[in-house]
Amino acid sequence: VQLQASGGGLAQAGGSLRLSCDVSGRIFSINRVGWFRQAPGKEREFVVLSRSGGSVRDQEYSPSVEGRFTISWDAIERTVDLQMNSLKPEDTAVYYCFVDHGSRRYWGQGTQVTVSS
């Protein structure tokens, strides 16, 4: 199983970026997908997750990003996207996607997001 994250880069405060995570390999019955992030010198922190239902009710957001970030999961294409709007300098971090299969979690390699003030 491999997760390939892309879409990171440099944005100005107030701007937008869209991250994408492509899931490949033999994995079925994914029950959760989502994103964490890790800023320099800090612990990795939760950003968002979506359960297999995929509706808004199945999503959980960190209070720090709620209302600005939106997750979407395409189970057919097997991509997990993160639309990030109204970016802030404190959103600067390496973003990691993950998928859960039962009790096992698979991680992507991370993509850098830098927001300038």
Protein backbone atom coordinates (compact mmCIF):
# COMPACT_ATOMS: atom_id res chain seq x y z
CA VAL A 1 0.00 0.00 0.00
CA GLN A 2 1.36 3.41 -0.96
CA LEU A 3 0.07 6.91 -0.35
CA GLN A 4 1.45 9.68 -2.55
CA ALA A 5 0.76 13.22 -1.36
CA SER A 6 1.08 16.24 -3.63
CA GLY A 7 -0.08 19.82 -3.99
CA GLY A 8 1.97 21.50 -1.30
CA GLY A 9 3.82 24.72 -1.91
CA LEU A 10 4.01 28.36 -1.02
CA ALA A 11 0.95 30.54 -0.47
CA GLN A 12 0.29 33.96 0.94
CA ALA A 13 -1.85 34.48 4.01
CA GLY A 14 -5.48 34.46 2.95
CA GLY A 15 -4.72 32.31 -0.06
CA SER A 16 -5.62 28.72 -0.90
CA LEU A 17 -3.94 25.43 -1.67
CA ARG A 18 -5.31 22.01 -2.49
CA LEU A 19 -3.53 18.87 -1.36
CA SER A 20 -4.14 15.48 -2.90
CA CYS A 21 -3.27 11.99 -1.69
CA ASP A 22 -3.37 9.06 -4.11
CA VAL A 23 -3.84 5.62 -2.57
CA SER A 24 -2.49 2.62 -4.45
CA GLY A 25 -2.00 -1.04 -3.73
CA ARG A 26 -4.11 -3.85 -2.39
CA ILE A 27 -6.20 -2.30 0.31
CA PHE A 28 -9.94 -2.70 0.68
CA SER A 29 -12.56 -1.59 3.14
CA ILE A 30 -10.87 1.66 4.07
CA ASN A 31 -12.77 2.90 7.07
CA ARG A 32 -11.13 6.31 7.61
CA VAL A 33 -8.98 8.77 5.71
CA GLY A 34 -7.51 12.08 6.75
CA TRP A 35 -4.60 14.42 7.32
CA PHE A 36 -2.18 15.32 10.07
CA ARG A 37 0.47 18.02 10.00
CA GLN A 38 3.76 18.72 11.71
CA ALA A 39 5.25 22.18 12.10
CA PRO A 40 8.97 22.66 12.78
CA GLY A 41 9.82 21.80 16.36
CA LYS A 42 6.30 20.59 17.14
CA GLU A 43 4.49 17.31 17.51
CA ARG A 44 2.45 15.92 14.65
CA GLU A 45 -1.11 17.13 15.10
CA PHE A 46 -4.50 16.05 13.84
CA VAL A 47 -6.08 18.15 11.09
CA VAL A 48 -9.10 16.28 9.72
CA LEU A 49 -10.57 12.85 9.15
CA SER A 50 -13.45 11.40 7.19
CA ARG A 51 -15.15 8.11 7.94
CA SER A 52 -16.21 5.77 5.18
CA GLY A 53 -19.66 7.35 4.82
CA GLY A 54 -18.05 10.43 3.36
CA SER A 55 -20.80 12.85 4.31
CA VAL A 56 -20.26 16.00 6.32
CA ARG A 57 -21.55 14.13 9.38
CA ASP A 58 -18.70 11.66 8.96
CA GLN A 59 -16.04 14.35 9.08
CA GLU A 60 -14.11 15.70 12.04
CA TYR A 61 -11.95 18.82 11.93
CA SER A 62 -9.45 20.33 14.27
CA PRO A 63 -10.88 23.57 15.69
CA SER A 64 -7.85 25.36 14.24
CA VAL A 65 -8.94 24.58 10.66
CA GLU A 66 -12.70 24.12 10.87
CA GLY A 67 -14.51 26.39 8.45
CA ARG A 68 -11.36 26.91 6.37
CA PHE A 69 -10.35 23.39 5.32
CA THR A 70 -12.48 20.78 3.57
CA ILE A 71 -11.71 17.10 3.10
CA SER A 72 -13.05 15.01 0.25
CA TRP A 73 -12.64 11.29 -0.35
CA ASP A 74 -13.21 9.69 -3.73
CA ALA A 75 -13.49 5.98 -3.01
CA ILE A 76 -13.51 5.07 -6.71
CA GLU A 77 -10.46 7.12 -7.69
CA ARG A 78 -8.94 6.46 -4.26
CA THR A 79 -7.87 10.02 -3.68
CA VAL A 80 -8.11 12.08 -0.51
CA ASP A 81 -8.11 15.81 -1.14
CA LEU A 82 -7.73 18.66 1.30
CA GLN A 83 -8.92 22.08 0.17
CA MET A 84 -7.30 24.74 2.32
CA ASN A 85 -8.70 28.26 2.19
CA SER A 86 -8.01 31.42 4.17
CA LEU A 87 -4.54 30.13 4.94
CA LYS A 88 -2.64 31.50 7.89
CA PRO A 89 1.10 31.51 8.63
CA GLU A 90 0.42 29.06 11.47
CA ASP A 91 -0.79 26.54 8.87
CA THR A 92 2.84 26.18 7.77
CA ALA A 93 3.77 22.53 8.23
CA VAL A 94 4.44 19.25 6.52
CA TYR A 95 1.07 17.63 5.81
CA TYR A 96 0.67 13.86 5.99
CA CYS A 97 -2.27 11.91 4.64
CA PHE A 98 -3.36 8.60 6.13
CA VAL A 99 -5.84 5.80 5.55
CA ASP A 100 -7.12 3.31 8.11
CA HIS A 101 -7.80 -0.30 7.25
CA GLY A 102 -9.16 -1.97 10.34
CA SER A 103 -6.70 -1.22 13.11
CA ARG A 104 -3.82 -0.50 10.75
CA ARG A 105 -2.90 3.01 9.62
CA TYR A 106 -0.94 3.77 6.45
CA TRP A 107 0.86 7.10 5.99
CA GLY A 108 1.90 9.18 3.01
CA GLN A 109 5.35 10.73 2.77
CA GLY A 110 4.30 14.30 3.54
CA THR A 111 4.06 17.47 1.50
CA GLN A 112 5.32 20.88 2.62
CA VAL A 113 2.93 23.81 2.95
CA THR A 114 4.40 27.24 3.63
CA VAL A 115 2.22 30.28 4.24
CA SER A 116 3.84 33.70 4.20
CA SER A 117 2.41 36.69 6.03
